[in-house]
């Protein structure tokens, strides 16, 4: 039996640049949705940050990622708990 791992990467404002780089390495299709697209923006300055991206590489690799939304209280509570 084989298993596939699909990493979810978290970025501090440079998710688009990083995911486009990975696409240049792995090829394939890249779908990017911004926080504004997903209606997840808590501040207009975050509208163009990546809310969710999926890269489906030509070899079958799948990478997902997003920018961290600094206004996401649920995520911040999770990170605070993880640090304990």
PDB file of N, CA and C in Angstrom:
ATOM      1  N   UNK A   1       0.848  -1.170   0.000  1.00  0.00           N
ATOM      2  CA  UNK A   1       0.000   0.000   0.000  1.00  0.00           C
ATOM      3  C   UNK A   1       0.897   1.238   0.000  1.00  0.00           C
ATOM      4  N   UNK A   2       0.520   2.221  -0.767  1.00  0.00           N
ATOM      5  CA  UNK A   2       1.271   3.474  -0.782  1.00  0.00           C
ATOM      6  C   UNK A   2       0.389   4.598  -0.261  1.00  0.00           C
ATOM      7  N   UNK A   3       1.054   5.615   0.236  1.00  0.00           N
ATOM      8  CA  UNK A   3       0.340   6.780   0.767  1.00  0.00           C
ATOM      9  C   UNK A   3       0.869   8.025   0.069  1.00  0.00           C
ATOM     10  N   UNK A   4      -0.003   8.993  -0.100  1.00  0.00           N
ATOM     11  CA  UNK A   4       0.401  10.280  -0.661  1.00  0.00           C
ATOM     12  C   UNK A   4       0.314  11.340   0.423  1.00  0.00           C
ATOM     13  N   UNK A   5       1.282  12.196   0.421  1.00  0.00           N
ATOM     14  CA  UNK A   5       1.305  13.312   1.353  1.00  0.00           C
ATOM     15  C   UNK A   5       1.116  14.589   0.536  1.00  0.00           C
ATOM     16  N   UNK A   6       0.212  15.433   0.987  1.00  0.00           N
ATOM     17  CA  UNK A   6      -0.033  16.711   0.321  1.00  0.00           C
ATOM     18  C   UNK A   6       0.216  17.821   1.338  1.00  0.00           C
ATOM     19  N   UNK A   7       1.430  18.342   1.377  1.00  0.00           N
ATOM     20  CA  UNK A   7       1.769  19.362   2.376  1.00  0.00           C
ATOM     21  C   UNK A   7       0.932  20.632   2.222  1.00  0.00           C
ATOM     22  N   UNK A   8       0.602  21.238   3.360  1.00  0.00           N
ATOM     23  CA  UNK A   8      -0.063  22.540   3.380  1.00  0.00           C
ATOM     24  C   UNK A   8       0.932  23.515   3.986  1.00  0.00           C
ATOM     25  N   UNK A   9       1.366  24.487   3.189  1.00  0.00           N
ATOM     26  CA  UNK A   9       2.407  25.425   3.589  1.00  0.00           C
ATOM     27  C   UNK A   9       1.789  26.757   3.991  1.00  0.00           C
ATOM     28  N   UNK A  10       2.331  27.353   5.038  1.00  0.00           N
ATOM     29  CA  UNK A  10       1.836  28.633   5.536  1.00  0.00           C
ATOM     30  C   UNK A  10       2.923  29.682   5.351  1.00  0.00           C
ATOM     31  N   UNK A  11       2.549  30.827   4.776  1.00  0.00           N
ATOM     32  CA  UNK A  11       3.516  31.871   4.455  1.00  0.00           C
ATOM     33  C   UNK A  11       3.152  33.187   5.134  1.00  0.00           C
ATOM     34  N   UNK A  12       4.148  34.031   5.287  1.00  0.00           N
ATOM     35  CA  UNK A  12       3.955  35.336   5.922  1.00  0.00           C
ATOM     36  C   UNK A  12       3.908  36.434   4.871  1.00  0.00           C
ATOM     37  N   UNK A  13       2.976  36.307   3.912  1.00  0.00           N
ATOM     38  CA  UNK A  13       2.787  37.364   2.938  1.00  0.00           C
ATOM     39  C   UNK A  13       3.393  37.104   1.570  1.00  0.00           C
ATOM     40  N   UNK A  14       4.118  35.999   1.394  1.00  0.00           N
ATOM     41  CA  UNK A  14       4.736  35.731   0.095  1.00  0.00           C
ATOM     42  C   UNK A  14       4.282  34.398  -0.511  1.00  0.00           C
ATOM     43  N   UNK A  15       3.071  33.974  -0.211  1.00  0.00           N
ATOM     44  CA  UNK A  15       2.560  32.697  -0.714  1.00  0.00           C
ATOM     45  C   UNK A  15       2.482  32.670  -2.237  1.00  0.00           C
ATOM     46  N   UNK A  16       2.027  33.744  -2.847  1.00  0.00           N
ATOM     47  CA  UNK A  16       1.911  33.772  -4.314  1.00  0.00           C
ATOM     48  C   UNK A  16       3.281  33.550  -4.951  1.00  0.00           C
ATOM     49  N   UNK A  17       4.265  34.298  -4.490  1.00  0.00           N
ATOM     50  CA  UNK A  17       5.623  34.172  -5.030  1.00  0.00           C
ATOM     51  C   UNK A  17       6.163  32.753  -4.826  1.00  0.00           C
ATOM     52  N   UNK A  18       5.969  32.198  -3.647  1.00  0.00           N
ATOM     53  CA  UNK A  18       6.467  30.858  -3.342  1.00  0.00           C
ATOM     54  C   UNK A  18       5.774  29.798  -4.195  1.00  0.00           C
ATOM     55  N   UNK A  19       4.452  29.880  -4.299  1.00  0.00           N
ATOM     56  CA  UNK A  19       3.715  28.874  -5.063  1.00  0.00           C
ATOM     57  C   UNK A  19       4.048  28.969  -6.553  1.00  0.00           C
ATOM     58  N   UNK A  20       4.266  30.169  -7.069  1.00  0.00           N
ATOM     59  CA  UNK A  20       4.675  30.320  -8.469  1.00  0.00           C
ATOM     60  C   UNK A  20       6.070  29.739  -8.685  1.00  0.00           C
ATOM     61  N   UNK A  21       6.946  29.866  -7.681  1.00  0.00           N
ATOM     62  CA  UNK A  21       8.261  29.245  -7.764  1.00  0.00           C
ATOM     63  C   UNK A  21       8.126  27.725  -7.816  1.00  0.00           C
ATOM     64  N   UNK A  22       7.309  27.153  -6.921  1.00  0.00           N
ATOM     65  CA  UNK A  22       7.114  25.705  -6.917  1.00  0.00           C
ATOM     66  C   UNK A  22       6.530  25.233  -8.251  1.00  0.00           C
ATOM     67  N   UNK A  23       5.670  26.047  -8.845  1.00  0.00           N
ATOM     68  CA  UNK A  23       5.122  25.684 -10.150  1.00  0.00           C
ATOM     69  C   UNK A  23       6.235  25.654 -11.200  1.00  0.00           C
ATOM     70  N   UNK A  24       7.189  26.573 -11.113  1.00  0.00           N
ATOM     71  CA  UNK A  24       8.299  26.576 -12.073  1.00  0.00           C
ATOM     72  C   UNK A  24       9.176  25.338 -11.898  1.00  0.00           C
ATOM     73  N   UNK A  25       9.202  24.779 -10.692  1.00  0.00           N
ATOM     74  CA  UNK A  25       9.994  23.581 -10.425  1.00  0.00           C
ATOM     75  C   UNK A  25       9.235  22.319 -10.829  1.00  0.00           C
ATOM     76  N   UNK A  26       7.968  22.200 -10.408  1.00  0.00           N
ATOM     77  CA  UNK A  26       7.191  20.976 -10.584  1.00  0.00           C
ATOM     78  C   UNK A  26       6.261  20.983 -11.800  1.00  0.00           C
ATOM     79  N   UNK A  27       6.074  22.157 -12.426  1.00  0.00           N
ATOM     80  CA  UNK A  27       5.149  22.255 -13.546  1.00  0.00           C
ATOM     81  C   UNK A  27       3.713  22.101 -13.071  1.00  0.00           C
ATOM     82  N   UNK A  28       2.801  21.884 -13.990  1.00  0.00           N
ATOM     83  CA  UNK A  28       1.411  21.640 -13.626  1.00  0.00           C
ATOM     84  C   UNK A  28       0.575  22.893 -13.534  1.00  0.00           C
ATOM     85  N   UNK A  29      -0.571  22.735 -12.895  1.00  0.00           N
ATOM     86  CA  UNK A  29      -1.532  23.845 -12.802  1.00  0.00           C
ATOM     87  C   UNK A  29      -1.554  24.410 -11.386  1.00  0.00           C
ATOM     88  N   UNK A  30      -1.685  25.717 -11.328  1.00  0.00           N
ATOM     89  CA  UNK A  30      -1.711  26.433 -10.048  1.00  0.00           C
ATOM     90  C   UNK A  30      -2.998  27.232  -9.962  1.00  0.00           C
ATOM     91  N   UNK A  31      -3.761  27.002  -8.913  1.00  0.00           N
ATOM     92  CA  UNK A  31      -4.983  27.780  -8.660  1.00  0.00           C
ATOM     93  C   UNK A  31      -4.751  28.611  -7.402  1.00  0.00           C
ATOM     94  N   UNK A  32      -5.014  29.902  -7.504  1.00  0.00           N
ATOM     95  CA  UNK A  32      -4.819  30.805  -6.372  1.00  0.00           C
ATOM     96  C   UNK A  32      -6.094  31.578  -6.112  1.00  0.00           C
ATOM     97  N   UNK A  33      -6.534  31.574  -4.851  1.00  0.00           N
ATOM     98  CA  UNK A  33      -7.668  32.393  -4.399  1.00  0.00           C
ATOM     99  C   UNK A  33      -7.168  33.327  -3.319  1.00  0.00           C
ATOM    100  N   UNK A  34      -7.525  34.592  -3.446  1.00  0.00           N
ATOM    101  CA  UNK A  34      -7.118  35.565  -2.436  1.00  0.00           C
ATOM    102  C   UNK A  34      -8.119  35.576  -1.277  1.00  0.00           C
ATOM    103  N   UNK A  35      -7.734  36.256  -0.202  1.00  0.00           N
ATOM    104  CA  UNK A  35      -8.670  36.409   0.918  1.00  0.00           C
ATOM    105  C   UNK A  35      -9.928  37.127   0.449  1.00  0.00           C
ATOM    106  N   UNK A  36      -9.775  38.088  -0.469  1.00  0.00           N
ATOM    107  CA  UNK A  36     -10.944  38.798  -0.991  1.00  0.00           C
ATOM    108  C   UNK A  36     -11.842  37.841  -1.774  1.00  0.00           C
ATOM    109  N   UNK A  37     -11.244  36.958  -2.588  1.00  0.00           N
ATOM    110  CA  UNK A  37     -12.025  35.971  -3.344  1.00  0.00           C
ATOM    111  C   UNK A  37     -12.860  35.100  -2.405  1.00  0.00           C
ATOM    112  N   UNK A  38     -12.258  34.734  -1.289  1.00  0.00           N
ATOM    113  CA  UNK A  38     -12.907  33.829  -0.335  1.00  0.00           C
ATOM    114  C   UNK A  38     -13.720  34.563   0.728  1.00  0.00           C
ATOM    115  N   UNK A  39     -13.739  35.896   0.628  1.00  0.00           N
ATOM    116  CA  UNK A  39     -14.432  36.755   1.602  1.00  0.00           C
ATOM    117  C   UNK A  39     -13.942  36.491   3.034  1.00  0.00           C
ATOM    118  N   UNK A  40     -12.617  36.310   3.156  1.00  0.00           N
ATOM    119  CA  UNK A  40     -12.006  36.046   4.451  1.00  0.00           C
ATOM    120  C   UNK A  40     -11.147  37.203   4.937  1.00  0.00           C
ATOM    121  N   UNK A  41     -11.129  38.284   4.192  1.00  0.00           N
ATOM    122  CA  UNK A  41     -10.298  39.424   4.555  1.00  0.00           C
ATOM    123  C   UNK A  41     -10.872  40.151   5.762  1.00  0.00           C
ATOM    124  N   UNK A  42     -10.025  40.397   6.740  1.00  0.00           N
ATOM    125  CA  UNK A  42     -10.455  41.166   7.907  1.00  0.00           C
ATOM    126  C   UNK A  42     -10.030  42.627   7.787  1.00  0.00           C
ATOM    127  N   UNK A  43      -9.247  42.918   6.756  1.00  0.00           N
ATOM    128  CA  UNK A  43      -8.722  44.259   6.541  1.00  0.00           C
ATOM    129  C   UNK A  43      -8.442  44.389   5.043  1.00  0.00           C
ATOM    130  N   UNK A  44      -8.775  45.529   4.458  1.00  0.00           N
ATOM    131  CA  UNK A  44      -8.565  45.713   3.020  1.00  0.00           C
ATOM    132  C   UNK A  44      -7.109  45.504   2.612  1.00  0.00           C
ATOM    133  N   UNK A  45      -6.181  45.764   3.510  1.00  0.00           N
ATOM    134  CA  UNK A  45      -4.764  45.582   3.182  1.00  0.00           C
ATOM    135  C   UNK A  45      -4.414  44.112   2.983  1.00  0.00           C
ATOM    136  N   UNK A  46      -5.292  43.212   3.408  1.00  0.00           N
ATOM    137  CA  UNK A  46      -5.047  41.779   3.260  1.00  0.00           C
ATOM    138  C   UNK A  46      -5.804  41.168   2.077  1.00  0.00           C
ATOM    139  N   UNK A  47      -6.552  41.972   1.343  1.00  0.00           N
ATOM    140  CA  UNK A  47      -7.385  41.457   0.253  1.00  0.00           C
ATOM    141  C   UNK A  47      -6.607  40.619  -0.760  1.00  0.00           C
ATOM    142  N   UNK A  48      -5.401  41.019  -1.098  1.00  0.00           N
ATOM    143  CA  UNK A  48      -4.640  40.327  -2.141  1.00  0.00           C
ATOM    144  C   UNK A  48      -3.743  39.221  -1.611  1.00  0.00           C
ATOM    145  N   UNK A  49      -3.747  38.989  -0.297  1.00  0.00           N
ATOM    146  CA  UNK A  49      -2.995  37.853   0.238  1.00  0.00           C
ATOM    147  C   UNK A  49      -3.664  36.559  -0.203  1.00  0.00           C
ATOM    148  N   UNK A  50      -2.895  35.494  -0.285  1.00  0.00           N
ATOM    149  CA  UNK A  50      -3.416  34.212  -0.746  1.00  0.00           C
ATOM    150  C   UNK A  50      -4.174  33.530   0.386  1.00  0.00           C
ATOM    151  N   UNK A  51      -5.461  33.287   0.145  1.00  0.00           N
ATOM    152  CA  UNK A  51      -6.297  32.578   1.119  1.00  0.00           C
ATOM    153  C   UNK A  51      -6.185  31.077   0.960  1.00  0.00           C
ATOM    154  N   UNK A  52      -5.960  30.616  -0.275  1.00  0.00           N
ATOM    155  CA  UNK A  52      -5.767  29.192  -0.540  1.00  0.00           C
ATOM    156  C   UNK A  52      -5.194  29.025  -1.940  1.00  0.00           C
ATOM    157  N   UNK A  53      -4.154  28.211  -2.036  1.00  0.00           N
ATOM    158  CA  UNK A  53      -3.544  27.902  -3.332  1.00  0.00           C
ATOM    159  C   UNK A  53      -3.330  26.398  -3.426  1.00  0.00           C
ATOM    160  N   UNK A  54      -3.501  25.866  -4.635  1.00  0.00           N
ATOM    161  CA  UNK A  54      -3.279  24.443  -4.894  1.00  0.00           C
ATOM    162  C   UNK A  54      -2.426  24.319  -6.147  1.00  0.00           C
ATOM    163  N   UNK A  55      -1.314  23.612  -6.016  1.00  0.00           N
ATOM    164  CA  UNK A  55      -0.468  23.295  -7.150  1.00  0.00           C
ATOM    165  C   UNK A  55      -0.573  21.799  -7.404  1.00  0.00           C
ATOM    166  N   UNK A  56      -1.003  21.447  -8.596  1.00  0.00           N
ATOM    167  CA  UNK A  56      -1.052  20.037  -9.015  1.00  0.00           C
ATOM    168  C   UNK A  56       0.049  19.855 -10.044  1.00  0.00           C
ATOM    169  N   UNK A  57       1.180  19.319  -9.588  1.00  0.00           N
ATOM    170  CA  UNK A  57       2.349  19.165 -10.442  1.00  0.00           C
ATOM    171  C   UNK A  57       2.177  18.065 -11.471  1.00  0.00           C
ATOM    172  N   UNK A  58       3.013  18.094 -12.499  1.00  0.00           N
ATOM    173  CA  UNK A  58       2.918  17.125 -13.589  1.00  0.00           C
ATOM    174  C   UNK A  58       3.288  15.714 -13.147  1.00  0.00           C
ATOM    175  N   UNK A  59       4.026  15.581 -12.053  1.00  0.00           N
ATOM    176  CA  UNK A  59       4.425  14.254 -11.574  1.00  0.00           C
ATOM    177  C   UNK A  59       3.454  13.679 -10.552  1.00  0.00           C
ATOM    178  N   UNK A  60       2.376  14.418 -10.263  1.00  0.00           N
ATOM    179  CA  UNK A  60       1.390  13.949  -9.291  1.00  0.00           C
ATOM    180  C   UNK A  60       1.500  14.601  -7.935  1.00  0.00           C
ATOM    181  N   UNK A  61       2.555  15.384  -7.727  1.00  0.00           N
ATOM    182  CA  UNK A  61       2.700  16.075  -6.441  1.00  0.00           C
ATOM    183  C   UNK A  61       1.598  17.124  -6.296  1.00  0.00           C
ATOM    184  N   UNK A  62       1.098  17.256  -5.082  1.00  0.00           N
ATOM    185  CA  UNK A  62       0.102  18.284  -4.776  1.00  0.00           C
ATOM    186  C   UNK A  62       0.619  19.079  -3.585  1.00  0.00           C
ATOM    187  N   UNK A  63       0.760  20.377  -3.776  1.00  0.00           N
ATOM    188  CA  UNK A  63       1.147  21.292  -2.697  1.00  0.00           C
ATOM    189  C   UNK A  63       0.018  22.288  -2.507  1.00  0.00           C
ATOM    190  N   UNK A  64      -0.293  22.574  -1.260  1.00  0.00           N
ATOM    191  CA  UNK A  64      -1.292  23.585  -0.945  1.00  0.00           C
ATOM    192  C   UNK A  64      -0.653  24.606  -0.017  1.00  0.00           C
ATOM    193  N   UNK A  65      -1.183  25.810  -0.007  1.00  0.00           N
ATOM    194  CA  UNK A  65      -0.623  26.821   0.866  1.00  0.00           C
ATOM    195  C   UNK A  65      -1.481  28.058   0.931  1.00  0.00           C
ATOM    196  N   UNK A  66      -1.105  28.931   1.846  1.00  0.00           N
ATOM    197  CA  UNK A  66      -1.797  30.210   2.006  1.00  0.00           C
ATOM    198  C   UNK A  66      -0.931  31.157   2.808  1.00  0.00           C
ATOM    199  N   UNK A  67      -1.290  32.429   2.748  1.00  0.00           N
ATOM    200  CA  UNK A  67      -0.694  33.420   3.637  1.00  0.00           C
ATOM    201  C   UNK A  67      -1.426  33.354   4.962  1.00  0.00           C
ATOM    202  N   UNK A  68      -0.730  33.698   5.996  1.00  0.00           N
ATOM    203  CA  UNK A  68      -1.376  33.753   7.309  1.00  0.00           C
ATOM    204  C   UNK A  68      -2.212  35.027   7.390  1.00  0.00           C
ATOM    205  N   UNK A  69      -3.452  34.880   7.791  1.00  0.00           N
ATOM    206  CA  UNK A  69      -4.341  36.022   7.997  1.00  0.00           C
ATOM    207  C   UNK A  69      -4.158  36.449   9.449  1.00  0.00           C
ATOM    208  N   UNK A  70      -3.532  37.587   9.655  1.00  0.00           N
ATOM    209  CA  UNK A  70      -3.222  38.025  11.013  1.00  0.00           C
ATOM    210  C   UNK A  70      -4.471  38.301  11.843  1.00  0.00           C
ATOM    211  N   UNK A  71      -5.621  38.453  11.183  1.00  0.00           N
ATOM    212  CA  UNK A  71      -6.849  38.726  11.914  1.00  0.00           C
ATOM    213  C   UNK A  71      -7.648  37.473  12.254  1.00  0.00           C
ATOM    214  N   UNK A  72      -7.131  36.300  11.910  1.00  0.00           N
ATOM    215  CA  UNK A  72      -7.860  35.049  12.152  1.00  0.00           C
ATOM    216  C   UNK A  72      -7.640  34.608  13.593  1.00  0.00           C
ATOM    217  N   UNK A  73      -8.593  34.892  14.448  1.00  0.00           N
ATOM    218  CA  UNK A  73      -8.455  34.597  15.874  1.00  0.00           C
ATOM    219  C   UNK A  73      -8.424  33.092  16.152  1.00  0.00           C
ATOM    220  N   UNK A  74      -9.172  32.306  15.377  1.00  0.00           N
ATOM    221  CA  UNK A  74      -9.160  30.851  15.592  1.00  0.00           C
ATOM    222  C   UNK A  74      -7.776  30.289  15.329  1.00  0.00           C
ATOM    223  N   UNK A  75      -7.166  30.713  14.236  1.00  0.00           N
ATOM    224  CA  UNK A  75      -5.825  30.227  13.910  1.00  0.00           C
ATOM    225  C   UNK A  75      -4.828  30.685  14.968  1.00  0.00           C
ATOM    226  N   UNK A  76      -4.962  31.931  15.434  1.00  0.00           N
ATOM    227  CA  UNK A  76      -4.038  32.438  16.445  1.00  0.00           C
ATOM    228  C   UNK A  76      -4.160  31.653  17.731  1.00  0.00           C
ATOM    229  N   UNK A  77      -5.391  31.300  18.141  1.00  0.00           N
ATOM    230  CA  UNK A  77      -5.570  30.482  19.350  1.00  0.00           C
ATOM    231  C   UNK A  77      -4.925  29.120  19.175  1.00  0.00           C
ATOM    232  N   UNK A  78      -5.043  28.535  17.961  1.00  0.00           N
ATOM    233  CA  UNK A  78      -4.415  27.249  17.681  1.00  0.00           C
ATOM    234  C   UNK A  78      -2.906  27.361  17.822  1.00  0.00           C
ATOM    235  N   UNK A  79      -2.323  28.421  17.239  1.00  0.00           N
ATOM    236  CA  UNK A  79      -0.872  28.597  17.326  1.00  0.00           C
ATOM    237  C   UNK A  79      -0.427  28.825  18.757  1.00  0.00           C
ATOM    238  N   UNK A  80      -1.216  29.580  19.530  1.00  0.00           N
ATOM    239  CA  UNK A  80      -0.868  29.810  20.920  1.00  0.00           C
ATOM    240  C   UNK A  80      -0.867  28.503  21.705  1.00  0.00           C
ATOM    241  N   UNK A  81      -1.847  27.641  21.455  1.00  0.00           N
ATOM    242  CA  UNK A  81      -1.913  26.339  22.139  1.00  0.00           C
ATOM    243  C   UNK A  81      -0.774  25.441  21.719  1.00  0.00           C
ATOM    244  N   UNK A  82      -0.403  25.492  20.454  1.00  0.00           N
ATOM    245  CA  UNK A  82       0.665  24.636  19.935  1.00  0.00           C
ATOM    246  C   UNK A  82       2.011  25.006  20.531  1.00  0.00           C
ATOM    247  N   UNK A  83       2.184  26.246  20.934  1.00  0.00           N
ATOM    248  CA  UNK A  83       3.464  26.700  21.501  1.00  0.00           C
ATOM    249  C   UNK A  83       3.635  26.274  22.950  1.00  0.00           C
ATOM    250  N   UNK A  84       2.572  25.885  23.605  1.00  0.00           N
ATOM    251  CA  UNK A  84       2.656  25.523  25.032  1.00  0.00           C
ATOM    252  C   UNK A  84       3.327  24.216  25.252  1.00  0.00           C
TER     253      UNK A  84
END
